Amino acid sequence: GMLRIMADGSAANARHKGGAWSARKGNKLGTVSGGGGLRTRKDGITHDIQKKEQAPYTGPAEELKQYEFERAARNG
């Protein structure tokens, strides 16, 4: 089977209470899906992923990479 690992992220400005400074706060989402769990749609070309594990993550991208590889190993 095929194992898929996907990641996405976004950032938003966060302002300190009563303060003038702001900082970018990043959120990331990692998705791992195993080889099974694909459903072929009626067009016969496109597939929907039926079984996936998603986890939010806040931290450096390099740590997210290690975290996702560990989750992928647990998923086969």
Protein backbone atom coordinates (compact mmCIF):
# COMPACT_ATOMS: atom_id res chain seq x y z
CA GLY A 1 0.00 0.00 0.00
CA MET A 2 0.88 3.61 -0.24
CA LEU A 3 1.55 5.87 2.74
CA ARG A 4 0.81 9.57 2.39
CA ILE A 5 2.29 12.29 4.59
CA MET A 6 0.98 15.82 4.16
CA ALA A 7 1.60 19.03 6.07
CA ASP A 8 0.16 22.51 5.87
CA GLY A 9 0.57 25.63 7.95
CA SER A 10 -0.59 29.14 8.52
CA ALA A 11 0.53 32.12 10.55
CA ALA A 12 -1.34 34.97 12.18
CA ASN A 13 -0.27 38.17 13.89
CA ALA A 14 -0.74 38.10 17.66
CA ARG A 15 -0.76 41.30 19.69
CA HIS A 16 0.38 41.45 23.31
CA LYS A 17 -2.38 42.51 25.75
CA GLY A 18 -2.21 46.29 25.94
CA GLY A 19 1.13 46.29 24.15
CA ALA A 20 2.13 47.71 20.81
CA TRP A 21 4.22 44.77 19.57
CA SER A 22 2.97 41.82 17.65
CA ALA A 23 4.45 38.48 16.73
CA ARG A 24 3.70 35.88 14.09
CA LYS A 25 2.26 32.72 15.60
CA GLY A 26 2.33 29.63 13.42
CA ASN A 27 0.05 26.63 13.38
CA LYS A 28 0.71 23.47 11.41
CA LEU A 29 -1.41 20.45 10.58
CA GLY A 30 0.07 17.08 9.76
CA THR A 31 -1.93 14.34 8.02
CA VAL A 32 -0.93 10.69 7.68
CA SER A 33 -3.01 8.22 5.67
CA GLY A 34 -2.31 4.56 5.03
CA GLY A 35 -2.49 2.54 1.85
CA GLY A 36 -6.00 1.31 2.51
CA GLY A 37 -8.96 3.56 2.84
CA LEU A 38 -9.12 4.90 -0.70
CA ARG A 39 -12.49 5.12 -2.40
CA THR A 40 -12.66 5.59 -6.17
CA ARG A 41 -15.22 8.18 -7.11
CA LYS A 42 -17.78 7.73 -9.89
CA ASP A 43 -15.51 9.35 -12.50
CA GLY A 44 -13.10 6.42 -12.00
CA ILE A 45 -10.11 8.75 -11.87
CA THR A 46 -10.30 10.61 -8.59
CA HIS A 47 -9.89 8.97 -5.20
CA ASP A 48 -11.14 10.07 -1.80
CA ILE A 49 -9.08 9.26 1.27
CA GLN A 50 -11.42 7.56 3.72
CA LYS A 51 -9.03 6.89 6.60
CA LYS A 52 -6.58 9.52 7.80
CA GLU A 53 -5.06 10.72 11.04
CA GLN A 54 -4.67 14.47 11.51
CA ALA A 55 -2.82 16.24 14.30
CA PRO A 56 -2.33 19.96 14.94
CA TYR A 57 1.21 21.03 15.78
CA THR A 58 2.79 24.22 17.05
CA GLY A 59 6.54 24.28 16.88
CA PRO A 60 9.41 24.45 14.41
CA ALA A 61 8.94 22.81 11.01
CA GLU A 62 11.95 20.53 11.59
CA GLU A 63 10.25 19.10 14.71
CA LEU A 64 7.01 18.62 12.76
CA LYS A 65 8.98 16.63 10.18
CA GLN A 66 10.30 14.24 12.84
CA TYR A 67 6.86 14.00 14.47
CA GLU A 68 5.23 13.11 11.12
CA PHE A 69 7.86 10.46 10.33
CA GLU A 70 7.24 8.84 13.73
CA ARG A 71 3.47 8.82 13.10
CA ALA A 72 4.01 7.41 9.61
CA ALA A 73 6.14 4.58 11.02
CA ARG A 74 3.30 3.69 13.42
CA ASN A 75 0.87 3.64 10.47
CA GLY A 76 2.94 1.23 8.41
